[in-house]
N, C-alpha and C. Protein backbone atom coordinates (compact mmCIF):
# COMPACT_ATOMS: atom_id res chain seq x y z
N MET A 1 -20.10 34.28 23.43
CA MET A 1 -20.38 32.99 24.02
C MET A 1 -19.68 31.87 23.27
N LYS A 2 -19.79 31.90 21.93
CA LYS A 2 -19.15 30.86 21.13
C LYS A 2 -17.63 30.89 21.31
N TRP A 3 -17.05 32.08 21.34
CA TRP A 3 -15.59 32.20 21.50
C TRP A 3 -15.15 31.69 22.86
N GLY A 4 -15.96 31.96 23.86
CA GLY A 4 -15.64 31.49 25.21
C GLY A 4 -15.64 29.97 25.28
N LEU A 5 -16.64 29.35 24.68
CA LEU A 5 -16.70 27.88 24.65
C LEU A 5 -15.54 27.30 23.85
N LEU A 6 -15.25 27.90 22.71
CA LEU A 6 -14.16 27.42 21.88
C LEU A 6 -12.81 27.54 22.61
N THR A 7 -12.58 28.69 23.22
CA THR A 7 -11.34 28.92 23.95
C THR A 7 -11.23 27.96 25.13
N GLY A 8 -12.31 27.81 25.88
CA GLY A 8 -12.32 26.89 27.02
C GLY A 8 -12.08 25.45 26.59
N GLY A 9 -12.71 25.05 25.49
CA GLY A 9 -12.51 23.69 24.97
C GLY A 9 -11.09 23.44 24.54
N LEU A 10 -10.49 24.42 23.86
CA LEU A 10 -9.09 24.27 23.44
C LEU A 10 -8.15 24.19 24.64
N CYS A 11 -8.38 25.04 25.63
CA CYS A 11 -7.54 25.01 26.84
C CYS A 11 -7.65 23.66 27.54
N LEU A 12 -8.85 23.14 27.65
CA LEU A 12 -9.05 21.84 28.29
C LEU A 12 -8.36 20.74 27.50
N ALA A 13 -8.48 20.78 26.18
CA ALA A 13 -7.85 19.75 25.34
C ALA A 13 -6.33 19.79 25.50
N PHE A 14 -5.73 20.98 25.48
CA PHE A 14 -4.28 21.09 25.67
C PHE A 14 -3.86 20.60 27.04
N HIS A 15 -4.62 20.99 28.06
CA HIS A 15 -4.29 20.57 29.42
C HIS A 15 -4.32 19.05 29.54
N LEU A 16 -5.36 18.42 29.02
CA LEU A 16 -5.47 16.97 29.11
C LEU A 16 -4.38 16.26 28.33
N SER A 17 -4.06 16.77 27.14
CA SER A 17 -3.02 16.10 26.34
C SER A 17 -1.65 16.21 27.01
N PHE A 18 -1.33 17.37 27.58
CA PHE A 18 -0.04 17.52 28.25
C PHE A 18 0.00 16.73 29.55
N ALA A 19 -1.11 16.63 30.25
CA ALA A 19 -1.16 15.85 31.49
C ALA A 19 -0.91 14.38 31.19
N GLN A 20 -1.49 13.87 30.11
CA GLN A 20 -1.27 12.47 29.74
C GLN A 20 0.18 12.23 29.33
N MET A 21 0.76 13.16 28.60
CA MET A 21 2.16 13.00 28.19
C MET A 21 3.07 12.96 29.41
N GLY A 22 2.81 13.81 30.38
CA GLY A 22 3.63 13.84 31.58
C GLY A 22 3.56 12.55 32.35
N GLN A 23 2.39 11.94 32.41
CA GLN A 23 2.25 10.68 33.13
C GLN A 23 2.88 9.53 32.36
N GLN A 24 2.74 9.53 31.06
CA GLN A 24 3.24 8.42 30.26
C GLN A 24 4.76 8.42 30.16
N PHE A 25 5.36 9.58 30.02
CA PHE A 25 6.79 9.64 29.79
C PHE A 25 7.56 10.28 30.95
N GLY A 26 6.89 10.52 32.05
CA GLY A 26 7.50 11.22 33.16
C GLY A 26 8.71 10.52 33.75
N SER A 27 8.75 9.19 33.72
CA SER A 27 9.86 8.48 34.34
C SER A 27 11.09 8.43 33.44
N TYR A 28 10.95 8.79 32.18
CA TYR A 28 12.09 8.79 31.27
C TYR A 28 12.72 10.17 31.24
N HIS A 29 13.99 10.20 31.37
CA HIS A 29 14.70 11.47 31.27
C HIS A 29 15.86 11.28 30.31
N ARG A 30 16.32 12.35 29.77
CA ARG A 30 17.39 12.30 28.79
C ARG A 30 18.72 12.08 29.50
N LEU A 31 19.45 11.08 29.05
CA LEU A 31 20.77 10.80 29.58
C LEU A 31 21.81 11.52 28.74
N SER A 32 22.93 11.81 29.33
CA SER A 32 24.05 12.35 28.58
C SER A 32 24.89 11.16 28.11
N VAL A 33 24.77 10.82 26.85
CA VAL A 33 25.44 9.64 26.30
C VAL A 33 26.59 10.09 25.42
N THR A 34 27.78 9.64 25.75
CA THR A 34 28.96 10.01 24.98
C THR A 34 29.62 8.76 24.41
N ILE A 35 29.11 8.34 23.29
CA ILE A 35 29.72 7.23 22.57
C ILE A 35 30.90 7.81 21.80
N PRO A 36 32.08 7.21 21.91
CA PRO A 36 33.23 7.76 21.16
C PRO A 36 32.91 7.90 19.67
N GLU A 37 33.38 8.98 19.09
CA GLU A 37 33.11 9.28 17.68
C GLU A 37 33.51 8.12 16.77
N SER A 38 34.61 7.47 17.08
CA SER A 38 35.09 6.37 16.24
C SER A 38 34.11 5.19 16.21
N LEU A 39 33.28 5.06 17.23
CA LEU A 39 32.31 3.96 17.29
C LEU A 39 30.94 4.35 16.73
N SER A 40 30.74 5.63 16.47
CA SER A 40 29.40 6.11 16.13
C SER A 40 29.00 5.94 14.67
N TYR A 41 29.83 5.31 13.87
CA TYR A 41 29.50 5.11 12.45
C TYR A 41 29.06 3.69 12.15
N SER A 42 29.02 2.84 13.16
CA SER A 42 28.63 1.45 12.98
C SER A 42 27.54 1.08 13.97
N ALA A 43 26.46 0.51 13.46
CA ALA A 43 25.36 0.10 14.34
C ALA A 43 25.83 -0.96 15.32
N ASP A 44 26.68 -1.88 14.88
CA ASP A 44 27.20 -2.91 15.79
C ASP A 44 28.02 -2.30 16.92
N SER A 45 28.84 -1.31 16.60
CA SER A 45 29.68 -0.66 17.62
C SER A 45 28.83 0.11 18.63
N ILE A 46 27.83 0.80 18.15
CA ILE A 46 26.95 1.55 19.04
C ILE A 46 26.21 0.59 19.97
N ALA A 47 25.67 -0.48 19.41
CA ALA A 47 24.95 -1.46 20.22
C ALA A 47 25.87 -2.11 21.26
N ARG A 48 27.06 -2.45 20.87
CA ARG A 48 28.02 -3.05 21.81
C ARG A 48 28.33 -2.08 22.95
N TYR A 49 28.54 -0.82 22.62
CA TYR A 49 28.82 0.20 23.64
C TYR A 49 27.64 0.32 24.61
N LEU A 50 26.42 0.35 24.10
CA LEU A 50 25.25 0.48 24.96
C LEU A 50 25.08 -0.75 25.86
N ARG A 51 25.32 -1.94 25.31
CA ARG A 51 25.22 -3.16 26.13
C ARG A 51 26.26 -3.18 27.24
N GLU A 52 27.46 -2.69 26.96
CA GLU A 52 28.53 -2.71 27.95
C GLU A 52 28.37 -1.64 29.03
N HIS A 53 27.82 -0.48 28.68
CA HIS A 53 27.78 0.63 29.62
C HIS A 53 26.44 0.86 30.31
N TYR A 54 25.38 0.25 29.83
CA TYR A 54 24.05 0.41 30.43
C TYR A 54 23.49 -0.99 30.66
N LYS A 55 23.30 -1.33 31.92
CA LYS A 55 23.01 -2.72 32.29
C LYS A 55 21.55 -3.13 32.20
N THR A 56 20.62 -2.21 32.40
CA THR A 56 19.20 -2.60 32.37
C THR A 56 18.58 -2.21 31.04
N PRO A 57 17.54 -2.94 30.64
CA PRO A 57 16.86 -2.58 29.38
C PRO A 57 16.33 -1.14 29.38
N LYS A 58 15.83 -0.67 30.52
CA LYS A 58 15.31 0.70 30.58
C LYS A 58 16.42 1.72 30.34
N LEU A 59 17.57 1.52 30.98
CA LEU A 59 18.69 2.44 30.78
C LEU A 59 19.21 2.38 29.35
N ARG A 60 19.23 1.20 28.77
CA ARG A 60 19.68 1.07 27.38
C ARG A 60 18.76 1.83 26.44
N LEU A 61 17.46 1.70 26.68
CA LEU A 61 16.50 2.41 25.83
C LEU A 61 16.63 3.92 26.01
N GLN A 62 16.77 4.37 27.24
CA GLN A 62 16.95 5.80 27.48
C GLN A 62 18.23 6.31 26.81
N ALA A 63 19.31 5.56 26.93
CA ALA A 63 20.57 5.97 26.32
C ALA A 63 20.46 5.98 24.80
N LEU A 64 19.83 4.97 24.24
CA LEU A 64 19.65 4.89 22.80
C LEU A 64 18.84 6.08 22.29
N TYR A 65 17.72 6.34 22.92
CA TYR A 65 16.89 7.48 22.52
C TYR A 65 17.66 8.79 22.64
N SER A 66 18.34 8.97 23.75
CA SER A 66 19.10 10.21 23.97
C SER A 66 20.20 10.39 22.93
N TRP A 67 20.91 9.30 22.63
CA TRP A 67 21.99 9.41 21.66
C TRP A 67 21.46 9.78 20.28
N ILE A 68 20.40 9.10 19.85
CA ILE A 68 19.85 9.39 18.53
C ILE A 68 19.34 10.82 18.44
N THR A 69 18.61 11.26 19.44
CA THR A 69 18.01 12.60 19.36
C THR A 69 19.03 13.72 19.52
N THR A 70 20.20 13.43 20.06
CA THR A 70 21.21 14.49 20.18
C THR A 70 22.29 14.41 19.11
N HIS A 71 22.41 13.29 18.41
CA HIS A 71 23.49 13.14 17.43
C HIS A 71 23.03 13.02 15.98
N ILE A 72 21.76 12.78 15.76
CA ILE A 72 21.24 12.71 14.40
C ILE A 72 20.36 13.95 14.19
N ARG A 73 20.71 14.74 13.19
CA ARG A 73 19.98 15.98 12.90
C ARG A 73 18.85 15.72 11.92
N TYR A 74 17.77 16.44 12.09
CA TYR A 74 16.69 16.37 11.11
C TYR A 74 17.05 17.26 9.94
N ASN A 75 16.91 16.74 8.73
CA ASN A 75 17.30 17.48 7.54
C ASN A 75 16.35 17.15 6.42
N ASN A 76 15.56 18.14 5.99
CA ASN A 76 14.59 17.92 4.91
C ASN A 76 15.25 17.45 3.63
N ASP A 77 16.47 17.91 3.36
CA ASP A 77 17.15 17.50 2.13
C ASP A 77 17.43 16.01 2.11
N SER A 78 17.48 15.38 3.27
CA SER A 78 17.74 13.94 3.33
C SER A 78 16.62 13.14 2.69
N SER A 79 15.43 13.69 2.64
CA SER A 79 14.33 12.95 2.02
C SER A 79 14.56 12.79 0.52
N TYR A 80 15.35 13.67 -0.06
CA TYR A 80 15.67 13.57 -1.48
C TYR A 80 16.93 12.74 -1.71
N TYR A 81 17.78 12.63 -0.69
CA TYR A 81 19.04 11.91 -0.82
C TYR A 81 18.84 10.40 -0.90
N TYR A 82 17.95 9.89 -0.10
CA TYR A 82 17.80 8.44 -0.01
C TYR A 82 17.07 7.87 -1.21
N ASN A 83 17.64 6.86 -1.75
CA ASN A 83 17.06 6.15 -2.87
C ASN A 83 16.20 5.02 -2.32
N ARG A 84 14.99 4.90 -2.77
CA ARG A 84 14.09 3.86 -2.28
C ARG A 84 14.61 2.46 -2.57
N SER A 85 15.55 2.33 -3.48
CA SER A 85 16.07 1.00 -3.80
C SER A 85 17.14 0.54 -2.82
N LEU A 86 17.59 1.44 -1.93
CA LEU A 86 18.57 1.03 -0.93
C LEU A 86 17.97 0.00 0.01
N ASP A 87 18.75 -0.99 0.37
CA ASP A 87 18.22 -1.95 1.33
C ASP A 87 18.33 -1.38 2.74
N TYR A 88 17.74 -2.08 3.67
CA TYR A 88 17.62 -1.61 5.06
C TYR A 88 18.99 -1.33 5.68
N GLU A 89 19.95 -2.23 5.53
CA GLU A 89 21.28 -2.04 6.11
C GLU A 89 21.99 -0.82 5.53
N GLU A 90 21.81 -0.58 4.23
CA GLU A 90 22.43 0.59 3.60
C GLU A 90 21.82 1.88 4.12
N LYS A 91 20.50 1.88 4.39
CA LYS A 91 19.85 3.07 4.94
C LYS A 91 20.38 3.38 6.33
N ILE A 92 20.56 2.35 7.16
CA ILE A 92 21.09 2.55 8.51
C ILE A 92 22.51 3.10 8.43
N ALA A 93 23.33 2.49 7.58
CA ALA A 93 24.72 2.94 7.43
C ALA A 93 24.79 4.38 6.92
N ALA A 94 23.93 4.73 5.98
CA ALA A 94 23.93 6.10 5.45
C ALA A 94 23.50 7.11 6.51
N THR A 95 22.51 6.74 7.32
CA THR A 95 22.07 7.63 8.40
C THR A 95 23.20 7.87 9.39
N LEU A 96 23.90 6.82 9.77
CA LEU A 96 25.02 6.96 10.72
C LEU A 96 26.18 7.73 10.10
N ARG A 97 26.44 7.52 8.84
CA ARG A 97 27.55 8.21 8.17
C ARG A 97 27.27 9.70 8.06
N ARG A 98 26.05 10.05 7.67
CA ARG A 98 25.69 11.45 7.45
C ARG A 98 25.28 12.17 8.74
N LYS A 99 24.88 11.39 9.74
CA LYS A 99 24.40 11.94 11.03
C LYS A 99 23.21 12.88 10.83
N LYS A 100 22.39 12.56 9.85
CA LYS A 100 21.17 13.31 9.62
C LYS A 100 20.19 12.47 8.84
N GLY A 101 18.92 12.86 8.92
CA GLY A 101 17.89 12.12 8.22
C GLY A 101 16.53 12.72 8.47
N VAL A 102 15.52 11.97 8.05
CA VAL A 102 14.13 12.37 8.25
C VAL A 102 13.45 11.31 9.11
N CYS A 103 12.16 11.43 9.28
CA CYS A 103 11.42 10.54 10.19
C CYS A 103 11.72 9.06 9.95
N GLU A 104 11.73 8.66 8.70
CA GLU A 104 11.99 7.26 8.37
C GLU A 104 13.36 6.82 8.88
N ASN A 105 14.34 7.69 8.77
CA ASN A 105 15.69 7.35 9.22
C ASN A 105 15.77 7.22 10.73
N TYR A 106 15.11 8.14 11.43
CA TYR A 106 15.07 8.05 12.90
C TYR A 106 14.42 6.73 13.33
N ALA A 107 13.28 6.41 12.73
CA ALA A 107 12.54 5.21 13.10
C ALA A 107 13.34 3.95 12.78
N ASP A 108 13.91 3.89 11.58
CA ASP A 108 14.70 2.72 11.20
C ASP A 108 15.92 2.54 12.09
N LEU A 109 16.60 3.64 12.40
CA LEU A 109 17.78 3.57 13.25
C LEU A 109 17.42 3.10 14.66
N LEU A 110 16.37 3.67 15.22
CA LEU A 110 15.95 3.26 16.57
C LEU A 110 15.55 1.79 16.59
N ALA A 111 14.78 1.35 15.61
CA ALA A 111 14.34 -0.05 15.57
C ALA A 111 15.53 -0.99 15.41
N ASP A 112 16.46 -0.64 14.54
CA ASP A 112 17.63 -1.49 14.30
C ASP A 112 18.50 -1.59 15.55
N LEU A 113 18.81 -0.46 16.15
CA LEU A 113 19.67 -0.48 17.34
C LEU A 113 18.96 -1.13 18.53
N ALA A 114 17.66 -0.93 18.66
CA ALA A 114 16.92 -1.57 19.74
C ALA A 114 17.02 -3.09 19.63
N SER A 115 16.85 -3.61 18.42
CA SER A 115 16.95 -5.07 18.26
C SER A 115 18.37 -5.57 18.53
N ARG A 116 19.36 -4.76 18.22
CA ARG A 116 20.76 -5.17 18.48
C ARG A 116 21.12 -5.17 19.96
N ILE A 117 20.39 -4.39 20.77
CA ILE A 117 20.67 -4.40 22.21
C ILE A 117 19.69 -5.27 22.99
N GLY A 118 18.89 -6.03 22.24
CA GLY A 118 18.02 -7.01 22.88
C GLY A 118 16.63 -6.54 23.23
N LEU A 119 16.17 -5.46 22.60
CA LEU A 119 14.82 -4.96 22.85
C LEU A 119 13.96 -5.17 21.61
N ARG A 120 12.70 -5.52 21.84
CA ARG A 120 11.78 -5.66 20.71
C ARG A 120 11.30 -4.31 20.27
N SER A 121 11.16 -4.14 18.98
CA SER A 121 10.70 -2.88 18.43
C SER A 121 9.78 -3.17 17.26
N HIS A 122 8.76 -2.36 17.12
CA HIS A 122 7.79 -2.55 16.03
C HIS A 122 7.71 -1.29 15.22
C-alpha cells in the first residue's frame, strides 16, 4: 500500500511538472543560429549580428538562447580556471574565447548579450 501511494505520488508530481514546463516554454523553439566564427569572439559583434538578423525581441531572445546553448560547452574544469578577481567584462571575453564555462558563465553571457540587444535581464 505504501509503495503504491509513493509510486502514484511520484508519477503525479512528474506529470504535473512536465505539463507546466510544456505550457510555459511551449512557444519557444530552438533556432538554427549561424553567427560567423569571426564574429563569435566579441559580445558586441554577436549582439550586432542578432539585432541585424532577428527583428523582434522574441526572435532575438530565441536566437541568443539557441546560440549560447549550442556553441558554449559545459566544462567542470572551467570552474577552476576563472579567477574571482576578474571583472565582469573579462569573464564574458574569456567565456567567448574558450567557448566553454559553467553555470555562472552561461548566466553572465546571457545577461550581458540580452542587455546589448535591448532586452532586460536579471
